[in-house]
Amino acid sequence: MSGVQIPPPRPLNDMKDFLKEMLGNPSGINKFLNLQYQSSKDEEHYFSVTFDESSMNPRGFVQGGMITAALDQASSMAFIGDNNGTAAPLTTDLHVLFHRSLPLGEAKITVKFIKIGRQIATMEARIFDENDKLVATLMHTAVNFAIPKQED
């Protein structure tokens, strides 16, 4: 890991603009999940996600792996935004605690940075149902991975 240089975090207003731009025209998993950046306050970042029938388990709720994917993606987007798009998390561990079932539809996600070190980052993401009840908590540990600059 030597030689990996992580830039200083972006000022919060720049991060908001970066995330809105990145998620404004979603593709891939962001499009599938309809992951939307909402806002930030201090070290917490807020997202929304919409689960449709393609995310449904046999009981009619959101499948646990889909919840995990949404929490993983939201915490990754917050990390990328906080690093000015020059670093991404290379996940080493995802630990999920499920607290209750999640109905289909919109849910809210909060992401909080626990510790962002030079090489390792630890983040916590939580997902809440439409009644603001905690559904699941994710602890996300990752290696800080520098994104190579794109040549024009």
Foldseek 3Di string as FASTA:
>chain_A
DPPDFFDAFDDQVQLVVVLCVDLVDDDDPCVQFVWAWDGDDDQKTKIKTFFDPVQQDPVQFGDPVNVQVNQVVVQQSSVCSRRVNFKTFAWDDKDKDFDATEHGTMKMKMKGWPDDDRFKTWIKMWIAHPVRHTGMIIITMGTIGTDDDDDD
